[in-house]
Amino acid sequence: MLPYKKIVITGGAGFVGSHLAISLKRDNPHIKVISLDNLYRRGSELSLRRLRDAEVEFVHGDIRCKEDIAAIFNFDLLIECSAEPSVQAGYQNDPSYLVQTNLFGTMNCLEAARRAKADVIFLSTSRVYPIEPLRNLPLKEEGKRFVLDAIQNSIGVSLHGISTQFPLEGIRSLYGATKLASELLLQEYAHMYDLNIVINRSGVIAGPWQMGKVDQGFVSLWISRYIFNQELKYTGFGGNGYQVRDVLHIEDLYELLVLQLNNISKHKGKIYNIGGGMKNSISLAELSSWCIQRTGNNIPIINDPTTHPADIPFYVSDNEVVTKNTGWAPKRSLDHTLEDIFHWILANQIMLKPIFS
């Protein structure tokens, strides 16, 4: 049982936030759990019944509006999951929503936590690391993927992946910039107001109830397209689908947070890279092969060699520090995660097809 009385989860109807809220209430029925969300992302409304059935209180609010958060009194833990999560946001349109949510919204959350003297868990992103140095990593093609060369000269890179020692100088997208700026604010608040704040930089998180899109949540999107026989595209880096990401099951994330929350003072001010790690990494081409085998459908895939300015060819999280400090490591295999998503989509095809389409 966690040592809290009232937990607020922002972005609490989204994929990550709703899962954390439901799991926390399931394992800690004595705690009041509140999910705050503006329901901006399509599909988040489907979480409302799940939250209600789990006895999680839903508050329709927006972190851009400080009054919405201030209206929730006397909480002792804030889990900040809200974000405009697309790395492509702002490239061809007005970035106001992105900046107001990911930066000003974080400020509003921090002020509410300061007044309440609450602990804070902040879900950041691997996209705080700059694009050009990641593109310049020595890579080679092996099978249907890119792999790291055995010899790496950059700080923070090893055959285990990318660590928090990776240099932060460079351009990273407005999405990455707003999350990094939020991290800086969080560290200052932790020091100035003596708050227990932990920052987790996650790679790709996946699992059932993720309404995936091209620019965020690619695993569920990919599997859905094969189930529904819809077209896909390999974009960038030659158009072969060799880009690699590591994948972390949402329940593994939850189990890490429980470990951190049971001894949060030990992790005060810490920044951790968290992800599925090298053994749970996959390329788009490899994911296509899995989908063909699992569904029996071989859908058309367009090959577009044009690389988006924000895209990178390879990212895998090095979990060494968080494992050393918590004992945590992902328990669920990549195949376990893919199977969970596959069966969830199959069981909810009528509901999900309009959203994934």
Protein backbone atom coordinates (compact mmCIF):
# COMPACT_ATOMS: atom_id res chain seq x y z
CA MET A 1 0.00 0.00 0.00
CA LEU A 2 1.33 3.41 -0.97
CA PRO A 3 1.66 6.13 1.71
CA TYR A 4 -0.74 8.61 0.09
CA LYS A 5 -4.31 9.74 0.68
CA LYS A 6 -5.16 11.60 -2.53
CA ILE A 7 -3.48 11.22 -5.93
CA VAL A 8 -4.07 13.51 -8.92
CA ILE A 9 -3.13 12.24 -12.38
CA THR A 10 -3.07 14.83 -15.16
CA GLY A 11 -3.73 13.49 -18.63
CA GLY A 12 -5.70 10.96 -16.63
CA ALA A 13 -7.95 9.79 -19.47
CA GLY A 14 -5.06 9.22 -21.85
CA PHE A 15 -3.36 5.91 -22.46
CA VAL A 16 -0.71 6.22 -19.73
CA GLY A 17 -2.71 8.28 -17.26
CA SER A 18 -5.81 6.08 -17.30
CA HIS A 19 -3.78 2.90 -16.88
CA LEU A 20 -1.89 4.35 -13.93
CA ALA A 21 -5.09 5.64 -12.33
CA ILE A 22 -6.92 2.33 -12.66
CA SER A 23 -3.94 0.31 -11.43
CA LEU A 24 -3.30 2.61 -8.46
CA LYS A 25 -6.93 2.42 -7.36
CA ARG A 26 -6.98 -1.35 -7.86
CA ASP A 27 -3.95 -1.88 -5.63
CA ASN A 28 -4.70 0.93 -3.15
CA PRO A 29 -8.48 1.06 -2.63
CA HIS A 30 -8.05 3.34 0.41
CA ILE A 31 -6.54 6.11 -1.76
CA LYS A 32 -8.69 8.66 -3.56
CA VAL A 33 -7.50 8.76 -7.17
CA ILE A 34 -8.50 11.65 -9.44
CA SER A 35 -7.97 11.71 -13.20
CA LEU A 36 -7.94 15.18 -14.74
CA ASP A 37 -8.12 15.43 -18.53
CA ASN A 38 -9.43 17.82 -21.20
CA LEU A 39 -10.35 14.91 -23.55
CA TYR A 40 -8.50 16.66 -26.38
CA ARG A 41 -7.13 13.48 -27.95
CA ARG A 42 -9.60 11.38 -29.87
CA GLY A 43 -10.29 8.09 -28.10
CA SER A 44 -9.65 9.43 -24.60
CA GLU A 45 -13.41 9.59 -24.06
CA LEU A 46 -13.44 5.79 -24.17
CA SER A 47 -11.54 5.77 -20.88
CA LEU A 48 -14.36 7.40 -18.93
CA ARG A 49 -16.35 4.22 -18.37
CA ARG A 50 -13.19 2.31 -17.44
CA LEU A 51 -12.28 4.99 -14.89
CA ARG A 52 -15.78 5.01 -13.45
CA ASP A 53 -15.89 1.22 -13.18
CA ALA A 54 -12.55 1.33 -11.34
CA GLU A 55 -13.94 3.96 -8.92
CA VAL A 56 -11.52 6.61 -10.14
CA GLU A 57 -12.96 10.12 -9.99
CA PHE A 58 -12.84 11.92 -13.33
CA VAL A 59 -12.47 15.72 -13.50
CA HIS A 60 -12.92 17.37 -16.88
CA GLY A 61 -10.24 20.02 -16.73
CA ASP A 62 -7.26 21.46 -18.56
CA ILE A 63 -3.78 22.01 -17.12
CA ARG A 64 -3.52 25.16 -19.23
CA CYS A 65 -6.12 26.63 -16.86
CA LYS A 66 -4.55 26.92 -13.41
CA GLU A 67 -7.99 27.22 -11.81
CA ASP A 68 -8.85 23.70 -12.97
CA ILE A 69 -5.96 22.25 -10.98
CA ALA A 70 -6.35 24.65 -8.06
CA ALA A 71 -9.92 23.41 -7.62
CA ILE A 72 -8.56 20.05 -6.45
CA PHE A 73 -7.53 20.51 -2.82
CA ASN A 74 -5.28 18.63 -0.40
CA PHE A 75 -3.70 16.09 -2.72
CA ASP A 76 -0.35 14.65 -1.68
CA LEU A 77 0.84 13.16 -4.97
CA LEU A 78 0.72 14.52 -8.52
CA ILE A 79 1.57 12.27 -11.46
CA GLU A 80 2.04 14.52 -14.50
CA CYS A 81 1.14 12.57 -17.66
CA SER A 82 -0.52 15.31 -19.68
CA ALA A 83 1.14 16.43 -22.90
CA GLU A 84 0.81 17.13 -26.56
CA PRO A 85 2.90 14.02 -27.31
CA SER A 86 3.65 14.44 -31.01
CA VAL A 87 7.24 15.18 -31.95
CA GLN A 88 5.91 16.51 -35.26
CA ALA A 89 3.66 19.09 -33.59
CA GLY A 90 4.31 22.66 -34.67
CA TYR A 91 6.27 21.88 -37.82
CA GLN A 92 3.49 22.85 -40.21
CA ASN A 93 1.04 24.60 -37.90
CA ASP A 94 0.61 26.86 -34.88
CA PRO A 95 2.57 25.45 -31.91
CA SER A 96 0.53 27.33 -29.29
CA TYR A 97 -1.33 24.31 -27.94
CA LEU A 98 1.92 22.36 -27.68
CA VAL A 99 3.75 25.09 -25.76
CA GLN A 100 0.82 26.05 -23.56
CA THR A 101 0.18 22.43 -22.57
CA ASN A 102 3.70 21.05 -22.26
CA LEU A 103 5.33 24.09 -20.65
CA PHE A 104 2.78 26.48 -19.18
CA GLY A 105 0.66 23.52 -18.12
CA THR A 106 3.63 22.05 -16.26
CA MET A 107 4.07 25.37 -14.49
CA ASN A 108 0.45 25.29 -13.34
CA CYS A 109 0.90 21.74 -12.09
CA LEU A 110 4.04 22.69 -10.19
CA GLU A 111 2.33 25.61 -8.53
CA ALA A 112 -0.53 23.38 -7.41
CA ALA A 113 1.98 20.84 -6.06
CA ARG A 114 3.92 23.57 -4.25
CA ARG A 115 0.80 24.86 -2.51
CA ALA A 116 -0.22 21.33 -1.54
CA LYS A 117 3.37 20.32 -0.61
CA ALA A 118 2.76 17.26 -2.77
CA ASP A 119 5.20 14.76 -4.24
CA VAL A 120 5.52 14.77 -8.04
CA ILE A 121 6.26 12.12 -10.65
CA PHE A 122 6.87 13.69 -14.07
CA LEU A 123 6.72 11.62 -17.24
CA SER A 124 9.19 13.16 -19.64
CA THR A 125 10.48 11.79 -22.94
CA SER A 126 13.54 10.48 -24.71
CA ARG A 127 12.97 13.26 -27.23
CA VAL A 128 14.75 15.71 -24.93
CA TYR A 129 17.92 14.36 -26.58
CA PRO A 130 18.89 16.38 -29.67
CA ILE A 131 18.15 15.11 -33.15
CA GLU A 132 21.44 15.63 -34.97
CA PRO A 133 23.70 13.75 -32.50
CA LEU A 134 21.26 10.83 -32.54
CA ARG A 135 21.26 10.83 -36.34
CA ASN A 136 25.06 10.81 -36.32
CA LEU A 137 25.40 7.67 -34.20
CA PRO A 138 27.51 5.03 -35.98
CA LEU A 139 24.93 2.53 -37.25
CA LYS A 140 24.91 -0.40 -39.62
CA GLU A 141 22.17 -2.42 -41.29
CA GLU A 142 21.65 -5.90 -39.94
CA GLY A 143 18.72 -7.95 -41.18
CA LYS A 144 15.74 -5.60 -41.28
CA ARG A 145 17.02 -3.02 -38.81
CA PHE A 146 19.65 -0.53 -37.87
CA VAL A 147 22.02 -1.59 -35.09
CA LEU A 148 24.67 0.32 -33.17
CA ASP A 149 28.27 -0.21 -34.25
CA ALA A 150 30.36 -1.89 -31.58
CA ILE A 151 32.61 1.18 -31.38
CA GLN A 152 30.83 4.28 -30.11
CA ASN A 153 32.74 7.49 -29.38
CA SER A 154 29.86 9.57 -28.03
CA ILE A 155 29.27 10.10 -24.32
CA GLY A 156 26.17 8.32 -23.05
CA VAL A 157 26.05 5.67 -25.78
CA SER A 158 26.82 1.99 -25.39
CA LEU A 159 25.51 -1.30 -26.71
CA HIS A 160 22.89 -1.01 -23.93
CA GLY A 161 21.48 2.13 -25.59
CA ILE A 162 21.25 5.80 -24.65
CA SER A 163 21.85 6.95 -21.06
CA THR A 164 21.12 10.26 -19.34
CA GLN A 165 24.78 11.19 -19.92
CA PHE A 166 24.03 11.74 -23.62
CA PRO A 167 24.78 15.42 -24.45
CA LEU A 168 21.78 17.74 -24.51
CA GLU A 169 23.19 20.48 -26.74
CA GLY A 170 21.35 20.81 -30.03
CA ILE A 171 17.92 21.09 -31.65
CA ARG A 172 15.33 18.56 -30.49
CA SER A 173 11.88 19.76 -31.77
CA LEU A 174 9.45 21.99 -29.90
CA TYR A 175 7.99 18.91 -28.25
CA GLY A 176 11.38 17.89 -26.86
CA ALA A 177 12.23 21.49 -25.96
CA THR A 178 9.06 21.99 -23.93
CA LYS A 179 9.63 18.76 -22.03
CA LEU A 180 13.28 19.63 -21.32
CA ALA A 181 12.27 23.12 -20.18
CA SER A 182 9.71 21.50 -17.89
CA GLU A 183 12.43 19.27 -16.46
CA LEU A 184 14.49 22.34 -15.60
CA LEU A 185 11.52 23.92 -13.82
CA LEU A 186 10.89 20.69 -11.91
CA GLN A 187 14.48 20.54 -10.69
CA GLU A 188 14.35 24.15 -9.50
CA TYR A 189 11.08 23.55 -7.67
CA ALA A 190 12.46 20.43 -6.04
CA HIS A 191 15.42 22.41 -4.71
CA MET A 192 13.73 25.71 -3.87
CA TYR A 193 10.59 24.32 -2.22
CA ASP A 194 11.96 21.01 -0.92
CA LEU A 195 9.58 18.88 -2.99
CA ASN A 196 10.03 15.20 -3.77
CA ILE A 197 10.13 15.25 -7.55
CA VAL A 198 11.19 12.40 -9.87
CA ILE A 199 11.63 12.68 -13.64
CA ASN A 200 11.29 9.62 -15.87
CA ARG A 201 12.41 10.02 -19.49
CA SER A 202 10.52 7.29 -21.30
CA GLY A 203 11.02 5.82 -24.71
CA VAL A 204 8.06 4.17 -26.46
CA ILE A 205 5.37 3.01 -24.04
CA ALA A 206 2.78 0.62 -25.46
CA GLY A 207 -0.10 -1.61 -24.52
CA PRO A 208 -3.89 -2.00 -24.79
CA TRP A 209 -5.99 1.20 -24.93
CA GLN A 210 -3.34 3.21 -26.75
CA MET A 211 -5.00 5.01 -29.67
CA GLY A 212 -1.88 5.08 -31.82
CA LYS A 213 -1.17 7.56 -34.61
CA VAL A 214 1.64 7.92 -37.14
CA ASP A 215 3.57 10.33 -34.92
CA GLN A 216 2.86 8.75 -31.53
CA GLY A 217 1.88 5.23 -30.48
CA PHE A 218 3.16 3.50 -33.60
CA VAL A 219 2.94 -0.07 -32.25
CA SER A 220 -0.84 -0.13 -31.79
CA LEU A 221 -1.31 1.81 -35.04
CA TRP A 222 0.81 -0.70 -36.98
CA ILE A 223 -1.02 -3.74 -35.61
CA SER A 224 -4.40 -2.11 -36.22
CA ARG A 225 -3.59 -1.41 -39.87
CA TYR A 226 -2.83 -5.08 -40.45
CA ILE A 227 -5.99 -6.20 -38.69
CA PHE A 228 -8.14 -3.72 -40.63
CA ASN A 229 -6.26 -4.17 -43.96
CA GLN A 230 -5.27 -0.52 -44.28
CA GLU A 231 -2.26 1.03 -45.98
CA LEU A 232 0.99 1.93 -44.21
CA LYS A 233 4.13 3.83 -45.13
CA TYR A 234 7.83 3.50 -44.35
CA THR A 235 9.03 7.09 -44.17
CA GLY A 236 12.61 8.32 -44.10
CA PHE A 237 16.10 6.83 -43.87
CA GLY A 238 15.75 5.11 -47.22
CA GLY A 239 12.10 4.17 -46.81
CA ASN A 240 12.87 0.58 -45.76
CA GLY A 241 11.42 0.67 -42.25
CA TYR A 242 14.74 -0.03 -40.55
CA GLN A 243 14.23 2.61 -37.80
CA VAL A 244 14.46 1.07 -34.33
CA ARG A 245 12.78 1.90 -31.01
CA ASP A 246 12.57 0.03 -27.74
CA VAL A 247 9.10 -0.72 -26.39
CA LEU A 248 8.02 -0.69 -22.74
CA HIS A 249 4.77 -2.35 -21.64
CA ILE A 250 2.54 0.07 -19.73
CA GLU A 251 2.30 -2.32 -16.77
CA ASP A 252 6.10 -2.36 -16.46
CA LEU A 253 5.98 1.43 -16.21
CA TYR A 254 3.37 1.18 -13.46
CA GLU A 255 5.50 -1.27 -11.49
CA LEU A 256 8.48 1.10 -11.69
CA LEU A 257 6.40 4.00 -10.38
CA VAL A 258 5.23 1.92 -7.43
CA LEU A 259 8.84 1.21 -6.50
CA GLN A 260 9.71 4.90 -6.75
CA LEU A 261 6.67 6.01 -4.75
CA ASN A 262 7.34 3.60 -1.91
CA ASN A 263 10.65 5.37 -1.27
CA ILE A 264 10.33 8.66 -3.11
CA SER A 265 12.74 10.64 -0.93
CA LYS A 266 15.52 8.33 -2.16
CA HIS A 267 14.76 9.40 -5.73
CA LYS A 268 14.22 13.11 -5.07
CA GLY A 269 15.61 15.16 -7.96
CA LYS A 270 16.63 12.08 -9.95
CA ILE A 271 16.30 11.83 -13.73
CA TYR A 272 15.99 8.33 -15.14
CA ASN A 273 15.95 6.91 -18.65
CA ILE A 274 13.33 4.18 -18.74
CA GLY A 275 12.34 1.89 -21.59
CA GLY A 276 12.07 -1.63 -22.83
CA GLY A 277 15.82 -1.82 -23.44
CA MET A 278 17.72 -3.49 -26.24
CA LYS A 279 16.02 -6.90 -25.90
CA ASN A 280 12.60 -5.25 -26.38
CA SER A 281 13.56 -3.17 -29.42
CA ILE A 282 12.06 -3.53 -32.87
CA SER A 283 12.18 -1.90 -36.30
CA LEU A 284 9.13 -1.06 -38.39
CA ALA A 285 10.11 -3.72 -40.92
CA GLU A 286 10.40 -6.32 -38.15
CA LEU A 287 7.04 -5.22 -36.76
CA SER A 288 5.54 -5.67 -40.22
CA SER A 289 6.90 -9.22 -40.37
CA TRP A 290 5.35 -9.97 -36.96
CA CYS A 291 2.01 -8.55 -38.08
CA ILE A 292 1.99 -10.56 -41.31
CA GLN A 293 2.68 -13.76 -39.42
CA ARG A 294 0.12 -13.00 -36.71
CA THR A 295 -2.74 -11.72 -38.88
CA GLY A 296 -2.13 -13.50 -42.17
CA ASN A 297 -2.62 -10.15 -43.93
CA ASN A 298 0.05 -8.70 -46.20
CA ILE A 299 -0.99 -5.07 -46.67
CA PRO A 300 0.57 -2.57 -49.09
CA ILE A 301 3.37 -0.44 -47.67
CA ILE A 302 4.52 2.73 -49.43
CA ASN A 303 8.27 3.39 -49.43
CA ASP A 304 9.03 7.09 -48.93
CA PRO A 305 12.74 7.86 -48.45
CA THR A 306 12.07 11.47 -47.38
CA THR A 307 13.07 11.92 -43.73
CA HIS A 308 10.98 14.15 -41.48
CA PRO A 309 13.08 16.86 -39.75
CA ALA A 310 12.25 15.43 -36.32
CA ASP A 311 12.83 11.75 -37.06
CA ILE A 312 15.78 9.70 -35.82
CA PRO A 313 16.94 6.28 -37.03
CA PHE A 314 17.62 4.63 -33.68
CA TYR A 315 16.72 5.03 -30.03
CA VAL A 316 16.95 2.45 -27.23
CA SER A 317 16.85 3.35 -23.54
CA ASP A 318 19.73 2.37 -21.28
CA ASN A 319 18.02 1.35 -18.00
CA GLU A 320 21.22 0.74 -16.04
CA VAL A 321 20.84 3.62 -13.55
CA VAL A 322 17.17 3.11 -12.76
CA THR A 323 17.77 -0.63 -12.35
CA LYS A 324 20.67 0.02 -9.98
CA ASN A 325 18.63 2.46 -7.87
CA THR A 326 15.32 0.56 -7.76
CA GLY A 327 15.98 -3.05 -8.72
CA TRP A 328 13.43 -2.60 -11.52
CA ALA A 329 13.74 -4.08 -14.97
CA PRO A 330 11.04 -4.72 -17.58
CA LYS A 331 9.37 -8.09 -16.98
CA ARG A 332 7.22 -8.29 -20.10
CA SER A 333 8.78 -9.31 -23.37
CA LEU A 334 8.24 -7.49 -26.63
CA ASP A 335 6.12 -10.39 -27.88
CA HIS A 336 3.97 -10.16 -24.73
CA THR A 337 3.32 -6.47 -25.46
CA LEU A 338 2.49 -7.09 -29.12
CA GLU A 339 0.13 -9.94 -28.23
CA ASP A 340 -1.66 -7.81 -25.62
CA ILE A 341 -2.30 -5.09 -28.20
CA PHE A 342 -3.30 -7.59 -30.90
CA HIS A 343 -5.94 -9.29 -28.72
CA TRP A 344 -7.27 -5.95 -27.43
CA ILE A 345 -7.86 -4.68 -30.96
CA LEU A 346 -9.44 -7.96 -32.05
CA ALA A 347 -11.83 -7.88 -29.11
CA ASN A 348 -12.87 -4.26 -29.78
CA GLN A 349 -12.82 -3.97 -33.56
CA ILE A 350 -16.15 -2.20 -33.98
CA MET A 351 -15.26 0.46 -31.42
CA LEU A 352 -11.67 0.96 -32.55
CA LYS A 353 -11.80 0.88 -36.34
CA PRO A 354 -13.16 4.47 -36.73
CA ILE A 355 -10.47 5.80 -34.38
CA PHE A 356 -7.53 3.99 -35.97
CA SER A 357 -8.81 4.88 -39.42
